[in-house]
């Protein structure tokens, strides 16, 4: 059972430092604000259990300037 998650993000294809946020295992949804529109971002999520950190899942996301709420 997971005890927490670490969420990391940065502008993709850069050497910028990752921004990090650690959240409790019950947090199923997170909103990251302050992202610039029309850029690719690299997001990573890693879960932690009592035995330590697991494998990291990575996804690339493109931010849009005119996206409506779904």
PDB file of N, CA and C in Angstrom:
ATOM      1  N   UNK A   1       0.838  -1.175   0.000  1.00  0.00           N
ATOM      2  CA  UNK A   1       0.000   0.000   0.000  1.00  0.00           C
ATOM      3  C   UNK A   1       0.891   1.250   0.000  1.00  0.00           C
ATOM      4  N   UNK A   2       0.553   2.207  -0.863  1.00  0.00           N
ATOM      5  CA  UNK A   2       1.346   3.425  -0.953  1.00  0.00           C
ATOM      6  C   UNK A   2       1.114   4.320   0.260  1.00  0.00           C
ATOM      7  N   UNK A   3       2.188   4.990   0.677  1.00  0.00           N
ATOM      8  CA  UNK A   3       2.085   5.925   1.789  1.00  0.00           C
ATOM      9  C   UNK A   3       2.147   7.372   1.314  1.00  0.00           C
ATOM     10  N   UNK A   4       2.781   7.594   0.154  1.00  0.00           N
ATOM     11  CA  UNK A   4       2.849   8.931  -0.429  1.00  0.00           C
ATOM     12  C   UNK A   4       3.302   8.847  -1.877  1.00  0.00           C
ATOM     13  N   UNK A   5       3.147   9.957  -2.584  1.00  0.00           N
ATOM     14  CA  UNK A   5       3.588  10.075  -3.965  1.00  0.00           C
ATOM     15  C   UNK A   5       4.461  11.315  -4.100  1.00  0.00           C
ATOM     16  N   UNK A   6       5.443  11.245  -4.985  1.00  0.00           N
ATOM     17  CA  UNK A   6       6.210  12.433  -5.338  1.00  0.00           C
ATOM     18  C   UNK A   6       5.900  12.772  -6.784  1.00  0.00           C
ATOM     19  N   UNK A   7       5.494  14.015  -7.015  1.00  0.00           N
ATOM     20  CA  UNK A   7       5.195  14.521  -8.351  1.00  0.00           C
ATOM     21  C   UNK A   7       6.285  15.525  -8.700  1.00  0.00           C
ATOM     22  N   UNK A   8       6.888  15.356  -9.869  1.00  0.00           N
ATOM     23  CA  UNK A   8       7.959  16.249 -10.318  1.00  0.00           C
ATOM     24  C   UNK A   8       7.629  16.725 -11.722  1.00  0.00           C
ATOM     25  N   UNK A   9       8.005  17.972 -12.048  1.00  0.00           N
ATOM     26  CA  UNK A   9       7.760  18.492 -13.388  1.00  0.00           C
ATOM     27  C   UNK A   9       8.781  19.557 -13.747  1.00  0.00           C
ATOM     28  N   UNK A  10       8.992  19.686 -15.050  1.00  0.00           N
ATOM     29  CA  UNK A  10       9.850  20.735 -15.609  1.00  0.00           C
ATOM     30  C   UNK A  10       9.531  20.873 -17.088  1.00  0.00           C
ATOM     31  N   UNK A  11       9.974  21.960 -17.688  1.00  0.00           N
ATOM     32  CA  UNK A  11       9.826  22.122 -19.128  1.00  0.00           C
ATOM     33  C   UNK A  11      10.638  21.010 -19.791  1.00  0.00           C
ATOM     34  N   UNK A  12      10.011  20.299 -20.716  1.00  0.00           N
ATOM     35  CA  UNK A  12      10.668  19.172 -21.375  1.00  0.00           C
ATOM     36  C   UNK A  12      11.817  19.651 -22.252  1.00  0.00           C
ATOM     37  N   UNK A  13      12.753  18.771 -22.477  1.00  0.00           N
ATOM     38  CA  UNK A  13      13.912  19.004 -23.347  1.00  0.00           C
ATOM     39  C   UNK A  13      14.812  20.127 -22.832  1.00  0.00           C
ATOM     40  N   UNK A  14      14.832  20.321 -21.522  1.00  0.00           N
ATOM     41  CA  UNK A  14      15.727  21.314 -20.916  1.00  0.00           C
ATOM     42  C   UNK A  14      16.505  20.632 -19.795  1.00  0.00           C
ATOM     43  N   UNK A  15      17.467  21.334 -19.292  1.00  0.00           N
ATOM     44  CA  UNK A  15      18.212  20.867 -18.120  1.00  0.00           C
ATOM     45  C   UNK A  15      17.731  21.563 -16.859  1.00  0.00           C
ATOM     46  N   UNK A  16      16.550  22.162 -16.924  1.00  0.00           N
ATOM     47  CA  UNK A  16      15.992  22.855 -15.764  1.00  0.00           C
ATOM     48  C   UNK A  16      15.819  21.882 -14.605  1.00  0.00           C
ATOM     49  N   UNK A  17      15.896  22.399 -13.419  1.00  0.00           N
ATOM     50  CA  UNK A  17      15.673  21.599 -12.219  1.00  0.00           C
ATOM     51  C   UNK A  17      14.193  21.236 -12.131  1.00  0.00           C
ATOM     52  N   UNK A  18      13.911  20.008 -11.711  1.00  0.00           N
ATOM     53  CA  UNK A  18      12.535  19.586 -11.509  1.00  0.00           C
ATOM     54  C   UNK A  18      11.946  20.297 -10.297  1.00  0.00           C
ATOM     55  N   UNK A  19      10.700  20.731 -10.422  1.00  0.00           N
ATOM     56  CA  UNK A  19       9.916  21.196  -9.281  1.00  0.00           C
ATOM     57  C   UNK A  19       9.330  19.932  -8.672  1.00  0.00           C
ATOM     58  N   UNK A  20       9.218  19.867  -7.344  1.00  0.00           N
ATOM     59  CA  UNK A  20       8.744  18.657  -6.679  1.00  0.00           C
ATOM     60  C   UNK A  20       7.629  18.973  -5.704  1.00  0.00           C
ATOM     61  N   UNK A  21       6.721  18.004  -5.609  1.00  0.00           N
ATOM     62  CA  UNK A  21       5.637  18.084  -4.630  1.00  0.00           C
ATOM     63  C   UNK A  21       5.405  16.666  -4.105  1.00  0.00           C
ATOM     64  N   UNK A  22       5.330  16.518  -2.795  1.00  0.00           N
ATOM     65  CA  UNK A  22       5.019  15.232  -2.189  1.00  0.00           C
ATOM     66  C   UNK A  22       3.619  15.315  -1.604  1.00  0.00           C
ATOM     67  N   UNK A  23       2.802  14.306  -1.928  1.00  0.00           N
ATOM     68  CA  UNK A  23       1.410  14.306  -1.477  1.00  0.00           C
ATOM     69  C   UNK A  23       1.083  12.972  -0.830  1.00  0.00           C
ATOM     70  N   UNK A  24       0.061  12.972   0.004  1.00  0.00           N
ATOM     71  CA  UNK A  24      -0.373  11.751   0.666  1.00  0.00           C
ATOM     72  C   UNK A  24      -0.960  10.748  -0.309  1.00  0.00           C
ATOM     73  N   UNK A  25      -1.000   9.504   0.091  1.00  0.00           N
ATOM     74  CA  UNK A  25      -1.465   8.420  -0.780  1.00  0.00           C
ATOM     75  C   UNK A  25      -2.936   8.568  -1.153  1.00  0.00           C
ATOM     76  N   UNK A  26      -3.705   9.277  -0.375  1.00  0.00           N
ATOM     77  CA  UNK A  26      -5.127   9.458  -0.682  1.00  0.00           C
ATOM     78  C   UNK A  26      -5.394  10.564  -1.688  1.00  0.00           C
ATOM     79  N   UNK A  27      -4.375  11.325  -2.033  1.00  0.00           N
ATOM     80  CA  UNK A  27      -4.516  12.411  -3.007  1.00  0.00           C
ATOM     81  C   UNK A  27      -4.543  11.808  -4.405  1.00  0.00           C
ATOM     82  N   UNK A  28      -5.692  11.783  -5.033  1.00  0.00           N
ATOM     83  CA  UNK A  28      -5.840  11.183  -6.363  1.00  0.00           C
ATOM     84  C   UNK A  28      -5.802  12.203  -7.486  1.00  0.00           C
ATOM     85  N   UNK A  29      -5.809  13.484  -7.139  1.00  0.00           N
ATOM     86  CA  UNK A  29      -5.832  14.527  -8.161  1.00  0.00           C
ATOM     87  C   UNK A  29      -4.990  15.697  -7.678  1.00  0.00           C
ATOM     88  N   UNK A  30      -4.159  16.214  -8.556  1.00  0.00           N
ATOM     89  CA  UNK A  30      -3.329  17.378  -8.242  1.00  0.00           C
ATOM     90  C   UNK A  30      -3.434  18.373  -9.380  1.00  0.00           C
ATOM     91  N   UNK A  31      -3.393  19.645  -9.043  1.00  0.00           N
ATOM     92  CA  UNK A  31      -3.367  20.707 -10.037  1.00  0.00           C
ATOM     93  C   UNK A  31      -2.045  21.444  -9.909  1.00  0.00           C
ATOM     94  N   UNK A  32      -1.341  21.545 -11.006  1.00  0.00           N
ATOM     95  CA  UNK A  32      -0.080  22.292 -11.040  1.00  0.00           C
ATOM     96  C   UNK A  32      -0.366  23.605 -11.750  1.00  0.00           C
ATOM     97  N   UNK A  33      -0.117  24.708 -11.077  1.00  0.00           N
ATOM     98  CA  UNK A  33      -0.390  26.029 -11.648  1.00  0.00           C
ATOM     99  C   UNK A  33       0.915  26.707 -12.037  1.00  0.00           C
ATOM    100  N   UNK A  34       0.788  27.777 -12.789  1.00  0.00           N
ATOM    101  CA  UNK A  34       1.949  28.568 -13.168  1.00  0.00           C
ATOM    102  C   UNK A  34       2.710  28.023 -14.361  1.00  0.00           C
ATOM    103  N   UNK A  35       2.118  27.081 -15.098  1.00  0.00           N
ATOM    104  CA  UNK A  35       2.782  26.548 -16.284  1.00  0.00           C
ATOM    105  C   UNK A  35       2.579  27.508 -17.449  1.00  0.00           C
ATOM    106  N   UNK A  36       3.575  27.618 -18.290  1.00  0.00           N
ATOM    107  CA  UNK A  36       3.471  28.477 -19.462  1.00  0.00           C
ATOM    108  C   UNK A  36       2.709  27.761 -20.572  1.00  0.00           C
ATOM    109  N   UNK A  37       1.866  28.490 -21.327  1.00  0.00           N
ATOM    110  CA  UNK A  37       1.125  27.852 -22.409  1.00  0.00           C
ATOM    111  C   UNK A  37       2.032  27.505 -23.589  1.00  0.00           C
ATOM    112  N   UNK A  38       1.599  26.537 -24.351  1.00  0.00           N
ATOM    113  CA  UNK A  38       2.233  26.119 -25.599  1.00  0.00           C
ATOM    114  C   UNK A  38       3.672  25.648 -25.392  1.00  0.00           C
ATOM    115  N   UNK A  39       3.872  24.887 -24.310  1.00  0.00           N
ATOM    116  CA  UNK A  39       5.160  24.264 -24.043  1.00  0.00           C
ATOM    117  C   UNK A  39       4.938  22.811 -23.671  1.00  0.00           C
ATOM    118  N   UNK A  40       5.935  21.979 -23.916  1.00  0.00           N
ATOM    119  CA  UNK A  40       5.908  20.599 -23.447  1.00  0.00           C
ATOM    120  C   UNK A  40       6.523  20.547 -22.053  1.00  0.00           C
ATOM    121  N   UNK A  41       5.862  19.823 -21.159  1.00  0.00           N
ATOM    122  CA  UNK A  41       6.360  19.600 -19.813  1.00  0.00           C
ATOM    123  C   UNK A  41       6.553  18.111 -19.584  1.00  0.00           C
ATOM    124  N   UNK A  42       7.567  17.780 -18.830  1.00  0.00           N
ATOM    125  CA  UNK A  42       7.829  16.406 -18.429  1.00  0.00           C
ATOM    126  C   UNK A  42       7.354  16.253 -16.982  1.00  0.00           C
ATOM    127  N   UNK A  43       6.461  15.300 -16.762  1.00  0.00           N
ATOM    128  CA  UNK A  43       5.952  15.003 -15.424  1.00  0.00           C
ATOM    129  C   UNK A  43       6.391  13.613 -15.014  1.00  0.00           C
ATOM    130  N   UNK A  44       6.755  13.468 -13.746  1.00  0.00           N
ATOM    131  CA  UNK A  44       7.134  12.176 -13.190  1.00  0.00           C
ATOM    132  C   UNK A  44       6.353  11.959 -11.901  1.00  0.00           C
ATOM    133  N   UNK A  45       5.897  10.719 -11.703  1.00  0.00           N
ATOM    134  CA  UNK A  45       5.195  10.357 -10.473  1.00  0.00           C
ATOM    135  C   UNK A  45       5.820   9.077  -9.945  1.00  0.00           C
ATOM    136  N   UNK A  46       6.162   9.100  -8.664  1.00  0.00           N
ATOM    137  CA  UNK A  46       6.752   7.933  -8.003  1.00  0.00           C
ATOM    138  C   UNK A  46       5.998   7.684  -6.708  1.00  0.00           C
ATOM    139  N   UNK A  47       5.625   6.428  -6.486  1.00  0.00           N
ATOM    140  CA  UNK A  47       4.927   6.055  -5.261  1.00  0.00           C
ATOM    141  C   UNK A  47       5.898   5.482  -4.237  1.00  0.00           C
ATOM    142  N   UNK A  48       5.556   5.677  -2.985  1.00  0.00           N
ATOM    143  CA  UNK A  48       6.385   5.164  -1.900  1.00  0.00           C
ATOM    144  C   UNK A  48       5.549   4.253  -1.001  1.00  0.00           C
ATOM    145  N   UNK A  49       6.136   3.130  -0.637  1.00  0.00           N
ATOM    146  CA  UNK A  49       5.515   2.217   0.321  1.00  0.00           C
ATOM    147  C   UNK A  49       6.429   2.128   1.538  1.00  0.00           C
ATOM    148  N   UNK A  50       6.096   1.265   2.463  1.00  0.00           N
ATOM    149  CA  UNK A  50       6.944   1.069   3.637  1.00  0.00           C
ATOM    150  C   UNK A  50       8.302   0.496   3.250  1.00  0.00           C
ATOM    151  N   UNK A  51       8.397  -0.126   2.067  1.00  0.00           N
ATOM    152  CA  UNK A  51       9.664  -0.703   1.606  1.00  0.00           C
ATOM    153  C   UNK A  51      10.512   0.273   0.804  1.00  0.00           C
ATOM    154  N   UNK A  52       9.990   1.444   0.505  1.00  0.00           N
ATOM    155  CA  UNK A  52      10.765   2.444  -0.227  1.00  0.00           C
ATOM    156  C   UNK A  52      10.056   2.924  -1.479  1.00  0.00           C
ATOM    157  N   UNK A  53      10.809   3.659  -2.304  1.00  0.00           N
ATOM    158  CA  UNK A  53      10.255   4.248  -3.523  1.00  0.00           C
ATOM    159  C   UNK A  53      10.166   3.208  -4.631  1.00  0.00           C
ATOM    160  N   UNK A  54       9.086   3.281  -5.411  1.00  0.00           N
ATOM    161  CA  UNK A  54       8.863   2.368  -6.524  1.00  0.00           C
ATOM    162  C   UNK A  54       9.396   2.938  -7.831  1.00  0.00           C
ATOM    163  N   UNK A  55       8.956   2.325  -8.926  1.00  0.00           N
ATOM    164  CA  UNK A  55       9.363   2.786 -10.253  1.00  0.00           C
ATOM    165  C   UNK A  55       8.669   4.102 -10.577  1.00  0.00           C
ATOM    166  N   UNK A  56       9.336   4.915 -11.365  1.00  0.00           N
ATOM    167  CA  UNK A  56       8.815   6.220 -11.746  1.00  0.00           C
ATOM    168  C   UNK A  56       8.065   6.125 -13.068  1.00  0.00           C
ATOM    169  N   UNK A  57       6.870   6.705 -13.105  1.00  0.00           N
ATOM    170  CA  UNK A  57       6.102   6.831 -14.344  1.00  0.00           C
ATOM    171  C   UNK A  57       6.351   8.229 -14.895  1.00  0.00           C
ATOM    172  N   UNK A  58       6.620   8.323 -16.195  1.00  0.00           N
ATOM    173  CA  UNK A  58       6.921   9.605 -16.825  1.00  0.00           C
ATOM    174  C   UNK A  58       5.953   9.855 -17.972  1.00  0.00           C
ATOM    175  N   UNK A  59       5.492  11.088 -18.092  1.00  0.00           N
ATOM    176  CA  UNK A  59       4.603  11.465 -19.191  1.00  0.00           C
ATOM    177  C   UNK A  59       4.977  12.870 -19.657  1.00  0.00           C
ATOM    178  N   UNK A  60       4.792  13.110 -20.956  1.00  0.00           N
ATOM    179  CA  UNK A  60       5.024  14.430 -21.527  1.00  0.00           C
ATOM    180  C   UNK A  60       3.661  15.053 -21.815  1.00  0.00           C
ATOM    181  N   UNK A  61       3.489  16.308 -21.388  1.00  0.00           N
ATOM    182  CA  UNK A  61       2.209  16.999 -21.522  1.00  0.00           C
ATOM    183  C   UNK A  61       2.431  18.311 -22.250  1.00  0.00           C
ATOM    184  N   UNK A  62       1.544  18.607 -23.200  1.00  0.00           N
ATOM    185  CA  UNK A  62       1.590  19.885 -23.912  1.00  0.00           C
ATOM    186  C   UNK A  62       0.530  20.795 -23.328  1.00  0.00           C
ATOM    187  N   UNK A  63       0.934  21.989 -22.892  1.00  0.00           N
ATOM    188  CA  UNK A  63      -0.022  22.943 -22.340  1.00  0.00           C
ATOM    189  C   UNK A  63      -0.606  23.767 -23.476  1.00  0.00           C
ATOM    190  N   UNK A  64      -1.896  24.050 -23.366  1.00  0.00           N
ATOM    191  CA  UNK A  64      -2.600  24.811 -24.398  1.00  0.00           C
ATOM    192  C   UNK A  64      -3.067  26.134 -23.818  1.00  0.00           C
ATOM    193  N   UNK A  65      -3.161  27.135 -24.652  1.00  0.00           N
ATOM    194  CA  UNK A  65      -3.568  28.450 -24.156  1.00  0.00           C
ATOM    195  C   UNK A  65      -5.080  28.630 -24.138  1.00  0.00           C
ATOM    196  N   UNK A  66      -5.813  27.870 -24.945  1.00  0.00           N
ATOM    197  CA  UNK A  66      -7.256  28.049 -25.037  1.00  0.00           C
ATOM    198  C   UNK A  66      -8.011  26.756 -24.798  1.00  0.00           C
ATOM    199  N   UNK A  67      -7.729  26.085 -23.720  1.00  0.00           N
ATOM    200  CA  UNK A  67      -8.403  24.817 -23.417  1.00  0.00           C
ATOM    201  C   UNK A  67      -9.583  25.076 -22.502  1.00  0.00           C
ATOM    202  N   UNK A  68     -10.728  24.538 -22.853  1.00  0.00           N
ATOM    203  CA  UNK A  68     -11.897  24.681 -22.003  1.00  0.00           C
ATOM    204  C   UNK A  68     -11.923  23.543 -20.987  1.00  0.00           C
ATOM    205  N   UNK A  69     -12.653  23.741 -19.903  1.00  0.00           N
ATOM    206  CA  UNK A  69     -12.797  22.712 -18.878  1.00  0.00           C
ATOM    207  C   UNK A  69     -13.517  21.511 -19.457  1.00  0.00           C
ATOM    208  N   UNK A  70     -13.086  20.314 -19.061  1.00  0.00           N
ATOM    209  CA  UNK A  70     -13.761  19.100 -19.535  1.00  0.00           C
ATOM    210  C   UNK A  70     -14.832  18.663 -18.580  1.00  0.00           C
TER     211      UNK A  70
END
